[in-house]
Protein backbone atom coordinates (compact mmCIF):
# COMPACT_ATOMS: atom_id res chain seq x y z
CA GLY A 1 10.90 9.96 -9.15
CA ALA A 2 8.45 7.02 -9.02
CA ARG A 3 7.53 5.99 -12.62
CA THR A 4 5.06 2.87 -11.51
CA MET A 5 2.91 2.73 -8.45
CA ILE A 6 0.18 0.27 -7.38
CA GLU A 7 -2.55 0.89 -4.61
CA ILE A 8 -4.21 -2.19 -3.23
CA GLY A 9 -7.36 -0.66 -1.76
CA THR A 10 -8.87 2.30 -3.79
CA GLY A 11 -11.34 4.04 -1.76
CA ALA A 12 -12.48 7.13 -3.10
CA GLY A 13 -9.69 7.67 -5.31
CA VAL A 14 -7.63 10.41 -2.08
CA SER A 15 -4.80 8.12 -1.60
CA GLY A 16 -4.44 7.28 -5.27
CA LEU A 17 -4.65 11.15 -5.76
CA TRP A 18 -1.64 12.15 -3.20
CA LEU A 19 1.08 9.57 -5.03
CA LEU A 20 0.15 11.15 -8.19
CA HIS A 21 0.58 14.57 -6.48
CA GLY A 22 4.12 13.91 -5.76
CA ALA A 23 4.85 11.50 -8.52
CA PRO A 24 3.14 13.54 -11.15
CA GLU A 25 5.00 11.07 -14.32
CA ALA A 26 4.65 8.01 -12.75
CA VAL A 27 1.42 5.55 -14.50
CA LEU A 28 -0.55 3.68 -11.25
CA THR A 29 -2.16 0.96 -10.55
CA THR A 30 -4.90 -0.08 -8.49
CA ILE A 31 -6.75 -2.90 -6.97
CA ASP A 32 -10.38 -2.52 -5.74
CA LYS A 33 -12.63 -6.00 -5.64
CA GLU A 34 -15.57 -2.86 -5.72
CA PRO A 35 -16.44 -1.86 -9.14
CA GLU A 36 -18.33 1.64 -7.74
CA HIS A 37 -15.05 2.42 -5.72
CA LEU A 38 -13.39 2.30 -8.83
CA ALA A 39 -15.70 4.22 -10.88
CA ALA A 40 -15.47 6.72 -8.27
CA ALA A 41 -11.38 7.02 -7.46
CA ARG A 42 -11.67 7.67 -12.23
CA GLN A 43 -14.07 10.92 -11.07
CA ALA A 44 -11.56 12.48 -8.94
CA PHE A 45 -9.09 11.82 -10.77
CA GLN A 46 -11.18 13.53 -14.05
CA HIS A 47 -11.76 16.01 -11.70
CA ALA A 48 -7.70 16.54 -10.46
CA ARG A 49 -7.38 16.53 -14.10
CA ILE A 50 -5.19 13.16 -14.00
CA ALA A 51 -4.58 11.68 -18.03
CA PRO A 52 -6.03 9.09 -18.41
CA SER A 53 -3.08 7.38 -19.57
CA HIS A 54 -1.78 7.27 -15.84
CA VAL A 55 -3.98 5.78 -14.19
CA ARG A 56 -4.95 1.54 -14.64
CA TYR A 57 -7.47 0.89 -12.81
CA ILE A 58 -8.35 -3.09 -12.04
CA THR A 59 -11.46 -4.86 -10.25
CA GLY A 60 -10.93 -7.45 -8.00
CA ARG A 61 -9.78 -9.02 -4.89
CA ALA A 62 -6.18 -8.21 -4.18
CA ASP A 63 -5.17 -11.89 -3.08
CA SER A 64 -6.06 -13.04 -6.66
CA VAL A 65 -4.78 -10.04 -8.48
CA LEU A 66 -1.29 -9.48 -6.57
CA PRO A 67 0.14 -13.17 -7.55
CA ARG A 68 -0.50 -12.44 -11.40
CA MET A 69 1.49 -8.30 -10.30
CA ASN A 70 5.07 -8.59 -12.12
CA GLU A 71 7.91 -9.18 -9.92
CA ALA A 72 10.05 -5.75 -9.17
CA ALA A 73 8.04 -3.55 -10.96
CA TYR A 74 7.11 -1.24 -8.86
CA ASP A 75 8.68 1.80 -7.04
CA ILE A 76 5.57 2.42 -4.77
CA VAL A 77 2.99 -0.04 -3.16
CA LEU A 78 0.93 1.55 -0.89
CA ILE A 79 -1.56 -1.65 1.36
CA ASP A 80 -4.29 0.45 1.83
CA ALA A 81 -7.49 -2.63 2.02
CA ASP A 82 -8.40 -5.27 4.32
CA PRO A 83 -6.73 -4.98 6.84
CA GLU A 84 -7.07 -8.07 8.52
CA HIS A 85 -4.90 -9.34 5.27
CA ALA A 86 -2.50 -6.53 5.45
CA ILE A 87 1.07 -9.51 6.40
CA ASP A 88 -0.91 -11.03 3.05
CA TYR A 89 -0.68 -7.97 0.75
CA VAL A 90 3.38 -7.00 2.47
CA ALA A 91 4.84 -10.04 1.03
CA HIS A 92 3.17 -9.38 -2.38
CA GLY A 93 4.33 -5.70 -1.71
CA LEU A 94 7.90 -7.04 -1.24
CA ARG A 95 7.88 -8.90 -4.47
CA LEU A 96 6.38 -5.95 -6.09
CA ALA A 97 9.05 -3.43 -5.54
CA ARG A 98 11.71 -3.09 -6.72
CA PRO A 99 15.20 -2.57 -5.08
CA GLY A 100 14.93 0.84 -4.01
CA GLY A 101 11.50 0.68 -3.73
CA THR A 102 9.12 1.24 -0.53
CA VAL A 103 6.22 -0.50 0.43
CA LEU A 104 3.14 1.88 2.41
CA VAL A 105 1.36 0.55 5.37
CA PRO A 106 -1.37 2.69 6.57
CA ARG A 107 -3.29 2.60 9.73
CA VAL A 108 -0.64 0.14 11.52
CA MET A 109 -1.26 1.66 14.70
CA ALA A 110 -4.52 -0.16 14.39
CA SER A 111 -6.24 2.97 16.38
CA GLY A 112 -4.05 2.56 19.86
CA ARG A 113 -4.62 -0.08 20.14
CA ILE A 114 -0.97 -1.00 18.98
CA ALA A 115 0.19 -0.29 21.91
CA ASP A 116 -2.56 -1.31 23.88
CA PRO A 117 -1.17 -4.57 25.70
CA VAL A 118 -3.98 -5.32 26.67
CA ALA A 119 -5.23 -6.24 22.87
CA ARG A 120 -4.76 -9.49 21.59
CA ASP A 121 -7.20 -10.22 19.24
CA ALA A 122 -6.02 -11.47 16.29
CA LEU A 123 -5.18 -8.28 13.84
CA THR A 124 -2.92 -6.54 16.63
CA SER A 125 -1.05 -9.79 16.86
CA ASP A 126 -0.38 -10.08 13.56
CA LEU A 127 0.32 -6.12 13.27
CA ARG A 128 3.27 -6.51 16.07
CA GLY A 129 5.03 -9.06 14.80
CA LEU A 130 5.03 -6.73 11.51
CA ILE A 131 6.03 -4.05 12.83
CA THR A 132 8.54 -5.77 14.76
CA GLU A 133 9.78 -8.16 12.35
CA THR A 134 9.98 -5.47 9.50
CA LEU A 135 11.90 -3.29 11.83
CA ALA A 136 14.49 -5.73 13.25
CA SER A 137 14.87 -7.17 9.29
CA THR A 138 18.08 -6.23 8.19
CA SER A 139 17.33 -7.15 4.07
CA VAL A 140 14.63 -3.87 3.97
CA VAL A 141 15.24 -0.39 5.75
CA ALA A 142 12.37 0.24 7.30
CA THR A 143 10.57 3.09 9.76
CA LEU A 144 7.38 3.87 11.59
CA SER A 145 5.64 6.46 12.28
CA SER A 146 3.15 6.49 15.32
CA PHE A 147 1.47 9.33 14.41
CA GLU A 148 -2.52 9.41 14.45
CA GLU A 149 -3.11 6.14 12.85
CA GLY A 150 0.17 5.36 12.16
CA LEU A 151 2.19 4.60 8.60
CA LEU A 152 4.63 1.80 8.41
CA GLN A 153 7.43 2.40 5.83
CA ILE A 154 8.83 -0.54 4.05
CA THR A 155 12.19 -0.23 1.94
CA THR A 156 14.01 -2.95 -0.02
CA ARG A 157 17.32 -2.64 -0.30
CA ARG A 158 18.82 -1.99 -3.38
CA SER A 159 21.76 -5.48 -4.20
């Protein structure tokens, strides 16, 4: 039932294709700092016969673009870029998600480092904190799938 989705980190367009496959009537806004990533995604979307009106491409750094995006405007926010900025992107994602919208954070298990008590690097510590705080929060409904690289799903509560 998603109508609007935003993807932070376009890559080659694979995750965007999956999002649009699950919500074929939705409009996807995809952000990437690398123009060649957006070009590859554009080609993948054309090959998959995604209507151009269903994809909006933004070239830029997420930390510069996200503050200018409309608040509470998206049903799904996929955070698939710069793991070292995941905490900031989640904060933006929660602001961008509509009430009842979902923020998705793939690869949150950091190649298994989250479960390794010896791993104490900054990224691992930040991701552990994100998981712990999100799962304990009463302002969202969060689910963690630890399968393979992991997926954190954060759904905002409706008022």
